[in-house]
Amino acid sequence: DHSEVAKVIAGIKCQAHKTRDTPSQIIQDNIATIPLNLSLYMPTHEALHIRIKQIRSAEVLPQPQTLEEIDVLVLLCLTLNGDL
């Protein structure tokens, strides 16, 4: 049933967002419980691995290109005397 496959893929995506587990571990955790006949409808291990990397790379904050783009907390700007 394709809805079961969709649930497994959704579980993989959710775990990729919430954990820092390796892609292989995430895939293994989620496909270990599906019946063999449904595994035929699953994307390949490599395709799932790529999808996990895409999900995680979308979460990464962009790197600042100039000093003005760096947001330094005010607390980090204080001297030992309490001056800015």
PDB file of N, CA and C in Angstrom:
ATOM      1  N   ASP A   1       0.848  -1.176   0.000  1.00  0.00           N
ATOM      2  CA  ASP A   1       0.000   0.000   0.000  1.00  0.00           C
ATOM      3  C   ASP A   1       0.896   1.244   0.000  1.00  0.00           C
ATOM      4  N   HIS A   2       0.628   2.133  -0.925  1.00  0.00           N
ATOM      5  CA  HIS A   2       1.470   3.319  -1.089  1.00  0.00           C
ATOM      6  C   HIS A   2       1.348   4.293   0.084  1.00  0.00           C
ATOM      7  N   SER A   3       0.245   4.244   0.809  1.00  0.00           N
ATOM      8  CA  SER A   3       0.112   5.140   1.963  1.00  0.00           C
ATOM      9  C   SER A   3       1.094   4.752   3.069  1.00  0.00           C
ATOM     10  N   GLU A   4       1.381   3.471   3.214  1.00  0.00           N
ATOM     11  CA  GLU A   4       2.377   3.029   4.201  1.00  0.00           C
ATOM     12  C   GLU A   4       3.767   3.514   3.817  1.00  0.00           C
ATOM     13  N   VAL A   5       4.077   3.451   2.531  1.00  0.00           N
ATOM     14  CA  VAL A   5       5.369   3.943   2.044  1.00  0.00           C
ATOM     15  C   VAL A   5       5.469   5.445   2.300  1.00  0.00           C
ATOM     16  N   ALA A   6       4.390   6.165   2.044  1.00  0.00           N
ATOM     17  CA  ALA A   6       4.380   7.613   2.285  1.00  0.00           C
ATOM     18  C   ALA A   6       4.592   7.917   3.766  1.00  0.00           C
ATOM     19  N   LYS A   7       4.009   7.102   4.650  1.00  0.00           N
ATOM     20  CA  LYS A   7       4.198   7.294   6.091  1.00  0.00           C
ATOM     21  C   LYS A   7       5.657   7.080   6.484  1.00  0.00           C
ATOM     22  N   VAL A   8       6.287   6.065   5.906  1.00  0.00           N
ATOM     23  CA  VAL A   8       7.692   5.785   6.215  1.00  0.00           C
ATOM     24  C   VAL A   8       8.569   6.943   5.743  1.00  0.00           C
ATOM     25  N   ILE A   9       8.317   7.433   4.540  1.00  0.00           N
ATOM     26  CA  ILE A   9       9.099   8.555   4.003  1.00  0.00           C
ATOM     27  C   ILE A   9       8.888   9.806   4.856  1.00  0.00           C
ATOM     28  N   ALA A  10       7.659  10.037   5.286  1.00  0.00           N
ATOM     29  CA  ALA A  10       7.380  11.178   6.170  1.00  0.00           C
ATOM     30  C   ALA A  10       8.123  11.022   7.496  1.00  0.00           C
ATOM     31  N   GLY A  11       8.195   9.803   8.003  1.00  0.00           N
ATOM     32  CA  GLY A  11       8.938   9.543   9.236  1.00  0.00           C
ATOM     33  C   GLY A  11      10.418   9.821   9.072  1.00  0.00           C
ATOM     34  N   ILE A  12      10.959   9.462   7.916  1.00  0.00           N
ATOM     35  CA  ILE A  12      12.371   9.726   7.620  1.00  0.00           C
ATOM     36  C   ILE A  12      12.618  11.232   7.590  1.00  0.00           C
ATOM     37  N   LYS A  13      11.740  11.967   6.921  1.00  0.00           N
ATOM     38  CA  LYS A  13      11.888  13.425   6.839  1.00  0.00           C
ATOM     39  C   LYS A  13      11.797  14.065   8.217  1.00  0.00           C
ATOM     40  N   CYS A  14      10.848  13.612   9.014  1.00  0.00           N
ATOM     41  CA  CYS A  14      10.662  14.158  10.356  1.00  0.00           C
ATOM     42  C   CYS A  14      11.891  13.894  11.223  1.00  0.00           C
ATOM     43  N   GLN A  15      12.409  12.680  11.170  1.00  0.00           N
ATOM     44  CA  GLN A  15      13.588  12.340  11.961  1.00  0.00           C
ATOM     45  C   GLN A  15      14.809  13.124  11.493  1.00  0.00           C
ATOM     46  N   ALA A  16      14.902  13.387  10.190  1.00  0.00           N
ATOM     47  CA  ALA A  16      16.018  14.178   9.657  1.00  0.00           C
ATOM     48  C   ALA A  16      15.980  15.602  10.207  1.00  0.00           C
ATOM     49  N   HIS A  17      14.763  16.145  10.378  1.00  0.00           N
ATOM     50  CA  HIS A  17      14.609  17.494  10.948  1.00  0.00           C
ATOM     51  C   HIS A  17      14.945  17.525  12.432  1.00  0.00           C
ATOM     52  N   LYS A  18      14.507  16.506  13.162  1.00  0.00           N
ATOM     53  CA  LYS A  18      14.558  16.552  14.623  1.00  0.00           C
ATOM     54  C   LYS A  18      15.840  16.013  15.239  1.00  0.00           C
ATOM     55  N   THR A  19      16.589  15.178  14.514  1.00  0.00           N
ATOM     56  CA  THR A  19      17.769  14.552  15.110  1.00  0.00           C
ATOM     57  C   THR A  19      19.007  14.844  14.282  1.00  0.00           C
ATOM     58  N   ARG A  20      20.126  14.533  14.848  1.00  0.00           N
ATOM     59  CA  ARG A  20      21.413  14.625  14.150  1.00  0.00           C
ATOM     60  C   ARG A  20      21.949  13.226  13.862  1.00  0.00           C
ATOM     61  N   ASP A  21      21.060  12.228  13.875  1.00  0.00           N
ATOM     62  CA  ASP A  21      21.469  10.870  13.534  1.00  0.00           C
ATOM     63  C   ASP A  21      22.006  10.848  12.111  1.00  0.00           C
ATOM     64  N   THR A  22      22.860   9.879  11.824  1.00  0.00           N
ATOM     65  CA  THR A  22      23.388   9.767  10.470  1.00  0.00           C
ATOM     66  C   THR A  22      22.260   9.381   9.519  1.00  0.00           C
ATOM     67  N   PRO A  23      22.375   9.757   8.242  1.00  0.00           N
ATOM     68  CA  PRO A  23      21.348   9.356   7.276  1.00  0.00           C
ATOM     69  C   PRO A  23      21.131   7.844   7.246  1.00  0.00           C
ATOM     70  N   SER A  24      22.209   7.083   7.321  1.00  0.00           N
ATOM     71  CA  SER A  24      22.075   5.619   7.306  1.00  0.00           C
ATOM     72  C   SER A  24      21.271   5.125   8.500  1.00  0.00           C
ATOM     73  N   GLN A  25      21.503   5.718   9.670  1.00  0.00           N
ATOM     74  CA  GLN A  25      20.775   5.314  10.874  1.00  0.00           C
ATOM     75  C   GLN A  25      19.297   5.670  10.757  1.00  0.00           C
ATOM     76  N   ILE A  26      19.007   6.850  10.230  1.00  0.00           N
ATOM     77  CA  ILE A  26      17.613   7.272  10.047  1.00  0.00           C
ATOM     78  C   ILE A  26      16.896   6.323   9.096  1.00  0.00           C
ATOM     79  N   ILE A  27      17.539   6.015   7.995  1.00  0.00           N
ATOM     80  CA  ILE A  27      16.935   5.115   7.009  1.00  0.00           C
ATOM     81  C   ILE A  27      16.708   3.747   7.628  1.00  0.00           C
ATOM     82  N   GLN A  28      17.719   3.217   8.305  1.00  0.00           N
ATOM     83  CA  GLN A  28      17.616   1.899   8.928  1.00  0.00           C
ATOM     84  C   GLN A  28      16.493   1.860   9.960  1.00  0.00           C
ATOM     85  N   ASP A  29      16.405   2.890  10.800  1.00  0.00           N
ATOM     86  CA  ASP A  29      15.360   2.943  11.827  1.00  0.00           C
ATOM     87  C   ASP A  29      13.963   2.894  11.221  1.00  0.00           C
ATOM     88  N   ASN A  30      13.797   3.532  10.081  1.00  0.00           N
ATOM     89  CA  ASN A  30      12.461   3.659   9.497  1.00  0.00           C
ATOM     90  C   ASN A  30      12.078   2.530   8.555  1.00  0.00           C
ATOM     91  N   ILE A  31      13.023   1.918   7.891  1.00  0.00           N
ATOM     92  CA  ILE A  31      12.652   0.861   6.945  1.00  0.00           C
ATOM     93  C   ILE A  31      12.724  -0.531   7.557  1.00  0.00           C
ATOM     94  N   ALA A  32      13.239  -0.630   8.773  1.00  0.00           N
ATOM     95  CA  ALA A  32      13.368  -1.939   9.418  1.00  0.00           C
ATOM     96  C   ALA A  32      12.014  -2.588   9.687  1.00  0.00           C
ATOM     97  N   THR A  33      10.979  -1.792   9.834  1.00  0.00           N
ATOM     98  CA  THR A  33       9.673  -2.329  10.226  1.00  0.00           C
ATOM     99  C   THR A  33       8.713  -2.553   9.060  1.00  0.00           C
ATOM    100  N   ILE A  34       9.087  -2.129   7.859  1.00  0.00           N
ATOM    101  CA  ILE A  34       8.131  -2.281   6.756  1.00  0.00           C
ATOM    102  C   ILE A  34       8.231  -3.686   6.161  1.00  0.00           C
ATOM    103  N   PRO A  35       7.109  -4.233   5.741  1.00  0.00           N
ATOM    104  CA  PRO A  35       7.125  -5.563   5.123  1.00  0.00           C
ATOM    105  C   PRO A  35       7.919  -5.563   3.814  1.00  0.00           C
ATOM    106  N   LEU A  36       8.435  -6.719   3.473  1.00  0.00           N
ATOM    107  CA  LEU A  36       9.270  -6.861   2.283  1.00  0.00           C
ATOM    108  C   LEU A  36       8.531  -6.450   1.009  1.00  0.00           C
ATOM    109  N   ASN A  37       7.238  -6.776   0.912  1.00  0.00           N
ATOM    110  CA  ASN A  37       6.493  -6.432  -0.304  1.00  0.00           C
ATOM    111  C   ASN A  37       6.360  -4.919  -0.486  1.00  0.00           C
ATOM    112  N   LEU A  38       6.392  -4.151   0.615  1.00  0.00           N
ATOM    113  CA  LEU A  38       6.321  -2.694   0.504  1.00  0.00           C
ATOM    114  C   LEU A  38       7.678  -2.079   0.197  1.00  0.00           C
ATOM    115  N   SER A  39       8.739  -2.783   0.547  1.00  0.00           N
ATOM    116  CA  SER A  39      10.075  -2.236   0.302  1.00  0.00           C
ATOM    117  C   SER A  39      10.346  -2.063  -1.189  1.00  0.00           C
ATOM    118  N   LEU A  40       9.601  -2.779  -2.016  1.00  0.00           N
ATOM    119  CA  LEU A  40       9.746  -2.631  -3.469  1.00  0.00           C
ATOM    120  C   LEU A  40       9.339  -1.236  -3.934  1.00  0.00           C
ATOM    121  N   TYR A  41       8.458  -0.595  -3.183  1.00  0.00           N
ATOM    122  CA  TYR A  41       7.957   0.728  -3.560  1.00  0.00           C
ATOM    123  C   TYR A  41       8.747   1.872  -2.927  1.00  0.00           C
ATOM    124  N   MET A  42       9.695   1.531  -2.070  1.00  0.00           N
ATOM    125  CA  MET A  42      10.503   2.555  -1.401  1.00  0.00           C
ATOM    126  C   MET A  42      11.561   3.105  -2.350  1.00  0.00           C
ATOM    127  N   PRO A  43      11.907   4.386  -2.193  1.00  0.00           N
ATOM    128  CA  PRO A  43      13.043   4.927  -2.951  1.00  0.00           C
ATOM    129  C   PRO A  43      14.320   4.190  -2.541  1.00  0.00           C
ATOM    130  N   THR A  44      15.331   4.270  -3.366  1.00  0.00           N
ATOM    131  CA  THR A  44      16.593   3.603  -3.052  1.00  0.00           C
ATOM    132  C   THR A  44      17.233   4.236  -1.818  1.00  0.00           C
ATOM    133  N   HIS A  45      18.142   3.495  -1.216  1.00  0.00           N
ATOM    134  CA  HIS A  45      18.883   3.994  -0.050  1.00  0.00           C
ATOM    135  C   HIS A  45      19.597   5.294  -0.415  1.00  0.00           C
ATOM    136  N   GLU A  46      20.192   5.334  -1.586  1.00  0.00           N
ATOM    137  CA  GLU A  46      20.923   6.528  -2.033  1.00  0.00           C
ATOM    138  C   GLU A  46      19.977   7.723  -2.204  1.00  0.00           C
ATOM    139  N   ALA A  47      18.797   7.493  -2.769  1.00  0.00           N
ATOM    140  CA  ALA A  47      17.826   8.579  -2.949  1.00  0.00           C
ATOM    141  C   ALA A  47      17.364   9.127  -1.598  1.00  0.00           C
ATOM    142  N   LEU A  48      17.158   8.244  -0.628  1.00  0.00           N
ATOM    143  CA  LEU A  48      16.761   8.689   0.710  1.00  0.00           C
ATOM    144  C   LEU A  48      17.896   9.454   1.387  1.00  0.00           C
ATOM    145  N   HIS A  49      19.117   8.982   1.194  1.00  0.00           N
ATOM    146  CA  HIS A  49      20.294   9.644   1.759  1.00  0.00           C
ATOM    147  C   HIS A  49      20.409  11.073   1.216  1.00  0.00           C
ATOM    148  N   ILE A  50      20.227  11.237  -0.077  1.00  0.00           N
ATOM    149  CA  ILE A  50      20.278  12.560  -0.713  1.00  0.00           C
ATOM    150  C   ILE A  50      19.164  13.453  -0.172  1.00  0.00           C
ATOM    151  N   ARG A  51      17.974  12.884  -0.013  1.00  0.00           N
ATOM    152  CA  ARG A  51      16.838  13.669   0.494  1.00  0.00           C
ATOM    153  C   ARG A  51      17.109  14.178   1.910  1.00  0.00           C
ATOM    154  N   ILE A  52      17.698  13.335   2.752  1.00  0.00           N
ATOM    155  CA  ILE A  52      18.028  13.741   4.120  1.00  0.00           C
ATOM    156  C   ILE A  52      19.037  14.884   4.093  1.00  0.00           C
ATOM    157  N   LYS A  53      20.042  14.776   3.238  1.00  0.00           N
ATOM    158  CA  LYS A  53      21.043  15.839   3.137  1.00  0.00           C
ATOM    159  C   LYS A  53      20.410  17.139   2.649  1.00  0.00           C
ATOM    160  N   GLN A  54      19.445  17.048   1.716  1.00  0.00           N
ATOM    161  CA  GLN A  54      18.754  18.240   1.225  1.00  0.00           C
ATOM    162  C   GLN A  54      17.934  18.893   2.335  1.00  0.00           C
ATOM    163  N   ILE A  55      17.260  18.081   3.119  1.00  0.00           N
ATOM    164  CA  ILE A  55      16.457  18.600   4.231  1.00  0.00           C
ATOM    165  C   ILE A  55      17.350  19.345   5.209  1.00  0.00           C
ATOM    166  N   ARG A  56      18.476  18.752   5.534  1.00  0.00           N
ATOM    167  CA  ARG A  56      19.372  19.363   6.519  1.00  0.00           C
ATOM    168  C   ARG A  56      20.087  20.587   5.970  1.00  0.00           C
ATOM    169  N   SER A  57      20.426  20.585   4.699  1.00  0.00           N
ATOM    170  CA  SER A  57      21.116  21.756   4.146  1.00  0.00           C
ATOM    171  C   SER A  57      20.169  22.947   4.052  1.00  0.00           C
ATOM    172  N   ALA A  58      18.879  22.697   3.912  1.00  0.00           N
ATOM    173  CA  ALA A  58      17.898  23.784   3.876  1.00  0.00           C
ATOM    174  C   ALA A  58      17.754  24.436   5.248  1.00  0.00           C
ATOM    175  N   GLU A  59      18.101  23.696   6.317  1.00  0.00           N
ATOM    176  CA  GLU A  59      17.987  24.221   7.677  1.00  0.00           C
ATOM    177  C   GLU A  59      19.169  25.091   8.082  1.00  0.00           C
ATOM    178  N   VAL A  60      20.274  24.968   7.396  1.00  0.00           N
ATOM    179  CA  VAL A  60      21.492  25.679   7.777  1.00  0.00           C
ATOM    180  C   VAL A  60      21.331  27.170   7.498  1.00  0.00           C
ATOM    181  N   LEU A  61      21.694  27.972   8.476  1.00  0.00           N
ATOM    182  CA  LEU A  61      21.612  29.420   8.291  1.00  0.00           C
ATOM    183  C   LEU A  61      22.657  29.877   7.284  1.00  0.00           C
ATOM    184  N   PRO A  62      22.346  30.883   6.487  1.00  0.00           N
ATOM    185  CA  PRO A  62      23.322  31.372   5.510  1.00  0.00           C
ATOM    186  C   PRO A  62      24.536  31.987   6.202  1.00  0.00           C
ATOM    187  N   GLN A  63      25.689  31.833   5.604  1.00  0.00           N
ATOM    188  CA  GLN A  63      26.923  32.398   6.140  1.00  0.00           C
ATOM    189  C   GLN A  63      26.971  33.889   5.830  1.00  0.00           C
ATOM    190  N   PRO A  64      27.317  34.716   6.817  1.00  0.00           N
ATOM    191  CA  PRO A  64      27.410  36.158   6.555  1.00  0.00           C
ATOM    192  C   PRO A  64      28.529  36.457   5.563  1.00  0.00           C
ATOM    193  N   GLN A  65      28.286  37.421   4.699  1.00  0.00           N
ATOM    194  CA  GLN A  65      29.262  37.798   3.683  1.00  0.00           C
ATOM    195  C   GLN A  65      30.046  39.051   4.071  1.00  0.00           C
ATOM    196  N   THR A  66      29.481  39.850   4.980  1.00  0.00           N
ATOM    197  CA  THR A  66      30.149  41.074   5.429  1.00  0.00           C
ATOM    198  C   THR A  66      30.083  41.138   6.951  1.00  0.00           C
ATOM    199  N   LEU A  67      30.897  42.025   7.541  1.00  0.00           N
ATOM    200  CA  LEU A  67      30.881  42.188   8.993  1.00  0.00           C
ATOM    201  C   LEU A  67      29.543  42.711   9.493  1.00  0.00           C
ATOM    202  N   GLU A  68      28.877  43.527   8.688  1.00  0.00           N
ATOM    203  CA  GLU A  68      27.595  44.097   9.082  1.00  0.00           C
ATOM    204  C   GLU A  68      26.513  43.030   9.221  1.00  0.00           C
ATOM    205  N   GLU A  69      26.668  41.923   8.539  1.00  0.00           N
ATOM    206  CA  GLU A  69      25.673  40.856   8.592  1.00  0.00           C
ATOM    207  C   GLU A  69      25.806  39.988   9.840  1.00  0.00           C
ATOM    208  N   ILE A  70      26.894  40.143  10.579  1.00  0.00           N
ATOM    209  CA  ILE A  70      27.101  39.345  11.781  1.00  0.00           C
ATOM    210  C   ILE A  70      26.347  39.989  12.932  1.00  0.00           C
ATOM    211  N   ASP A  71      25.478  39.221  13.562  1.00  0.00           N
ATOM    212  CA  ASP A  71      24.669  39.719  14.670  1.00  0.00           C
ATOM    213  C   ASP A  71      25.308  39.254  15.977  1.00  0.00           C
ATOM    214  N   VAL A  72      26.038  40.148  16.619  1.00  0.00           N
ATOM    215  CA  VAL A  72      26.726  39.830  17.872  1.00  0.00           C
ATOM    216  C   VAL A  72      25.838  40.257  19.035  1.00  0.00           C
ATOM    217  N   LEU A  73      25.626  39.353  19.971  1.00  0.00           N
ATOM    218  CA  LEU A  73      24.829  39.675  21.150  1.00  0.00           C
ATOM    219  C   LEU A  73      25.485  40.799  21.944  1.00  0.00           C
ATOM    220  N   VAL A  74      24.670  41.674  22.497  1.00  0.00           N
ATOM    221  CA  VAL A  74      25.177  42.804  23.275  1.00  0.00           C
ATOM    222  C   VAL A  74      26.016  42.309  24.450  1.00  0.00           C
ATOM    223  N   LEU A  75      25.607  41.221  25.076  1.00  0.00           N
ATOM    224  CA  LEU A  75      26.358  40.682  26.213  1.00  0.00           C
ATOM    225  C   LEU A  75      27.788  40.316  25.831  1.00  0.00           C
ATOM    226  N   LEU A  76      27.996  39.930  24.597  1.00  0.00           N
ATOM    227  CA  LEU A  76      29.336  39.565  24.147  1.00  0.00           C
ATOM    228  C   LEU A  76      30.183  40.791  23.836  1.00  0.00           C
ATOM    229  N   CYS A  77      29.556  41.944  23.748  1.00  0.00           N
ATOM    230  CA  CYS A  77      30.271  43.184  23.437  1.00  0.00           C
ATOM    231  C   CYS A  77      30.723  43.930  24.686  1.00  0.00           C
ATOM    232  N   LEU A  78      30.305  43.485  25.858  1.00  0.00           N
ATOM    233  CA  LEU A  78      30.657  44.165  27.103  1.00  0.00           C
ATOM    234  C   LEU A  78      32.087  43.835  27.523  1.00  0.00           C
ATOM    235  N   THR A  79      32.773  44.858  28.037  1.00  0.00           N
ATOM    236  CA  THR A  79      34.114  44.639  28.589  1.00  0.00           C
ATOM    237  C   THR A  79      33.980  44.146  30.025  1.00  0.00           C
ATOM    238  N   LEU A  80      35.088  43.821  30.643  1.00  0.00           N
ATOM    239  CA  LEU A  80      35.063  43.389  32.041  1.00  0.00           C
ATOM    240  C   LEU A  80      34.539  44.481  32.962  1.00  0.00           C
ATOM    241  N   ASN A  81      34.706  45.740  32.550  1.00  0.00           N
ATOM    242  CA  ASN A  81      34.202  46.873  33.335  1.00  0.00           C
ATOM    243  C   ASN A  81      32.725  47.148  33.084  1.00  0.00           C
ATOM    244  N   GLY A  82      32.115  46.438  32.133  1.00  0.00           N
ATOM    245  CA  GLY A  82      30.711  46.651  31.805  1.00  0.00           C
ATOM    246  C   GLY A  82      30.482  47.663  30.711  1.00  0.00           C
ATOM    247  N   ASP A  83      31.561  48.169  30.086  1.00  0.00           N
ATOM    248  CA  ASP A  83      31.438  49.134  28.994  1.00  0.00           C
ATOM    249  C   ASP A  83      31.180  48.401  27.683  1.00  0.00           C
ATOM    250  N   LEU A  84      30.524  49.102  26.761  1.00  0.00           N
ATOM    251  CA  LEU A  84      30.301  48.548  25.417  1.00  0.00           C
ATOM    252  C   LEU A  84      31.512  48.728  24.549  1.00  0.00           C
TER     253      LEU A  84
END
